[in-house]
């Protein structure tokens, strides 16, 4: 799977897991998952190259208990299980 396809897939996966996706220009300063007023929010840093954004999202989703309950493409699952 190409990097941009993987990026799109992981963003959609995060949405399926209940995250609101906020794609912001953060200049490498931050990014990742948090909760705001009970809503899961995932900040994706648009200033990063696609490979780094993929890793940023994967780090945020790793260890999520909901991942065990849904189908995830094997390539994405392998990435999500790295160092989990």
C-alpha atoms as a PDB file:
ATOM      1  CA  UNK A   1       0.000   0.000   0.000  1.00  0.00           C
ATOM      2  CA  UNK A   2       1.355   3.409  -0.906  1.00  0.00           C
ATOM      3  CA  UNK A   3       1.998   5.949   1.808  1.00  0.00           C
ATOM      4  CA  UNK A   4      -0.833   8.309   0.826  1.00  0.00           C
ATOM      5  CA  UNK A   5      -3.288   5.408   0.620  1.00  0.00           C
ATOM      6  CA  UNK A   6      -2.158   4.231   4.047  1.00  0.00           C
ATOM      7  CA  UNK A   7      -2.531   7.757   5.408  1.00  0.00           C
ATOM      8  CA  UNK A   8      -6.100   8.001   4.089  1.00  0.00           C
ATOM      9  CA  UNK A   9      -6.890   4.539   5.448  1.00  0.00           C
ATOM     10  CA  UNK A  10      -5.583   5.355   8.928  1.00  0.00           C
ATOM     11  CA  UNK A  11      -7.533   8.625   9.019  1.00  0.00           C
ATOM     12  CA  UNK A  12     -10.709   6.753   8.105  1.00  0.00           C
ATOM     13  CA  UNK A  13      -9.883   4.052  10.668  1.00  0.00           C
ATOM     14  CA  UNK A  14      -9.497   6.718  13.359  1.00  0.00           C
ATOM     15  CA  UNK A  15     -12.921   8.093  12.415  1.00  0.00           C
ATOM     16  CA  UNK A  16     -14.393   4.589  12.722  1.00  0.00           C
ATOM     17  CA  UNK A  17     -12.877   4.430  16.203  1.00  0.00           C
ATOM     18  CA  UNK A  18     -14.714   7.624  17.161  1.00  0.00           C
ATOM     19  CA  UNK A  19     -12.011  10.253  16.655  1.00  0.00           C
ATOM     20  CA  UNK A  20     -12.717  13.689  15.279  1.00  0.00           C
ATOM     21  CA  UNK A  21      -9.829  14.393  12.896  1.00  0.00           C
ATOM     22  CA  UNK A  22      -8.264  17.852  13.005  1.00  0.00           C
ATOM     23  CA  UNK A  23      -5.704  18.380  10.265  1.00  0.00           C
ATOM     24  CA  UNK A  24      -3.745  21.442  11.342  1.00  0.00           C
ATOM     25  CA  UNK A  25      -0.471  23.125  10.400  1.00  0.00           C
ATOM     26  CA  UNK A  26       1.414  22.542  13.667  1.00  0.00           C
ATOM     27  CA  UNK A  27       4.974  23.009  12.359  1.00  0.00           C
ATOM     28  CA  UNK A  28       6.194  19.793  13.997  1.00  0.00           C
ATOM     29  CA  UNK A  29       5.404  21.065  17.479  1.00  0.00           C
ATOM     30  CA  UNK A  30       2.632  18.651  18.414  1.00  0.00           C
ATOM     31  CA  UNK A  31      -0.002  16.280  17.181  1.00  0.00           C
ATOM     32  CA  UNK A  32      -1.622  13.117  18.427  1.00  0.00           C
ATOM     33  CA  UNK A  33      -4.725  12.096  20.301  1.00  0.00           C
ATOM     34  CA  UNK A  34      -6.499  13.737  23.214  1.00  0.00           C
ATOM     35  CA  UNK A  35      -9.977  14.202  24.632  1.00  0.00           C
ATOM     36  CA  UNK A  36     -11.783  17.520  24.581  1.00  0.00           C
ATOM     37  CA  UNK A  37     -15.050  17.645  26.532  1.00  0.00           C
ATOM     38  CA  UNK A  38     -15.353  13.861  26.266  1.00  0.00           C
ATOM     39  CA  UNK A  39     -14.786  13.794  22.484  1.00  0.00           C
ATOM     40  CA  UNK A  40     -11.754  11.904  21.156  1.00  0.00           C
ATOM     41  CA  UNK A  41      -9.761  14.239  18.901  1.00  0.00           C
ATOM     42  CA  UNK A  42      -6.776  13.362  16.739  1.00  0.00           C
ATOM     43  CA  UNK A  43      -4.569  16.251  15.647  1.00  0.00           C
ATOM     44  CA  UNK A  44      -2.661  15.466  12.455  1.00  0.00           C
ATOM     45  CA  UNK A  45       0.237  17.811  11.699  1.00  0.00           C
ATOM     46  CA  UNK A  46      -0.030  18.906   8.060  1.00  0.00           C
ATOM     47  CA  UNK A  47       3.499  20.331   8.141  1.00  0.00           C
ATOM     48  CA  UNK A  48       4.932  16.799   8.373  1.00  0.00           C
ATOM     49  CA  UNK A  49       5.626  14.607   5.335  1.00  0.00           C
ATOM     50  CA  UNK A  50       3.068  11.831   4.730  1.00  0.00           C
ATOM     51  CA  UNK A  51       5.300   9.089   6.182  1.00  0.00           C
ATOM     52  CA  UNK A  52       5.576  10.998   9.460  1.00  0.00           C
ATOM     53  CA  UNK A  53       1.821  11.648   9.538  1.00  0.00           C
ATOM     54  CA  UNK A  54       1.221   7.909   9.084  1.00  0.00           C
ATOM     55  CA  UNK A  55       3.478   7.200  12.059  1.00  0.00           C
ATOM     56  CA  UNK A  56       1.817   9.970  14.101  1.00  0.00           C
ATOM     57  CA  UNK A  57      -1.624   8.427  13.580  1.00  0.00           C
ATOM     58  CA  UNK A  58      -0.365   4.881  14.160  1.00  0.00           C
ATOM     59  CA  UNK A  59       1.222   5.951  17.478  1.00  0.00           C
ATOM     60  CA  UNK A  60      -2.060   7.534  18.551  1.00  0.00           C
ATOM     61  CA  UNK A  61      -4.116   4.434  17.720  1.00  0.00           C
ATOM     62  CA  UNK A  62      -1.706   1.780  19.051  1.00  0.00           C
ATOM     63  CA  UNK A  63      -3.088  -0.138  21.973  1.00  0.00           C
ATOM     64  CA  UNK A  64      -6.680   0.898  21.324  1.00  0.00           C
ATOM     65  CA  UNK A  65      -8.933  -1.876  22.614  1.00  0.00           C
ATOM     66  CA  UNK A  66     -11.482  -1.133  19.872  1.00  0.00           C
ATOM     67  CA  UNK A  67      -8.971  -2.256  17.206  1.00  0.00           C
ATOM     68  CA  UNK A  68      -9.453  -5.874  18.274  1.00  0.00           C
ATOM     69  CA  UNK A  69     -13.164  -5.612  17.474  1.00  0.00           C
ATOM     70  CA  UNK A  70     -12.929  -4.457  13.847  1.00  0.00           C
ATOM     71  CA  UNK A  71     -11.275  -5.590  10.635  1.00  0.00           C
ATOM     72  CA  UNK A  72      -8.060  -3.725   9.840  1.00  0.00           C
ATOM     73  CA  UNK A  73      -6.052  -4.281   6.663  1.00  0.00           C
ATOM     74  CA  UNK A  74      -3.030  -6.488   7.439  1.00  0.00           C
ATOM     75  CA  UNK A  75      -0.452  -3.842   6.478  1.00  0.00           C
ATOM     76  CA  UNK A  76      -2.091  -1.282   8.745  1.00  0.00           C
ATOM     77  CA  UNK A  77      -2.565  -3.804  11.577  1.00  0.00           C
ATOM     78  CA  UNK A  78       1.146  -4.712  11.462  1.00  0.00           C
ATOM     79  CA  UNK A  79       2.019  -1.026  11.798  1.00  0.00           C
ATOM     80  CA  UNK A  80      -0.461  -0.538  14.653  1.00  0.00           C
ATOM     81  CA  UNK A  81       0.969  -3.507  16.537  1.00  0.00           C
ATOM     82  CA  UNK A  82       4.606  -2.349  16.277  1.00  0.00           C
ATOM     83  CA  UNK A  83       5.960  -1.618  19.749  1.00  0.00           C
ATOM     84  CA  UNK A  84       2.440  -1.710  21.160  1.00  0.00           C
END
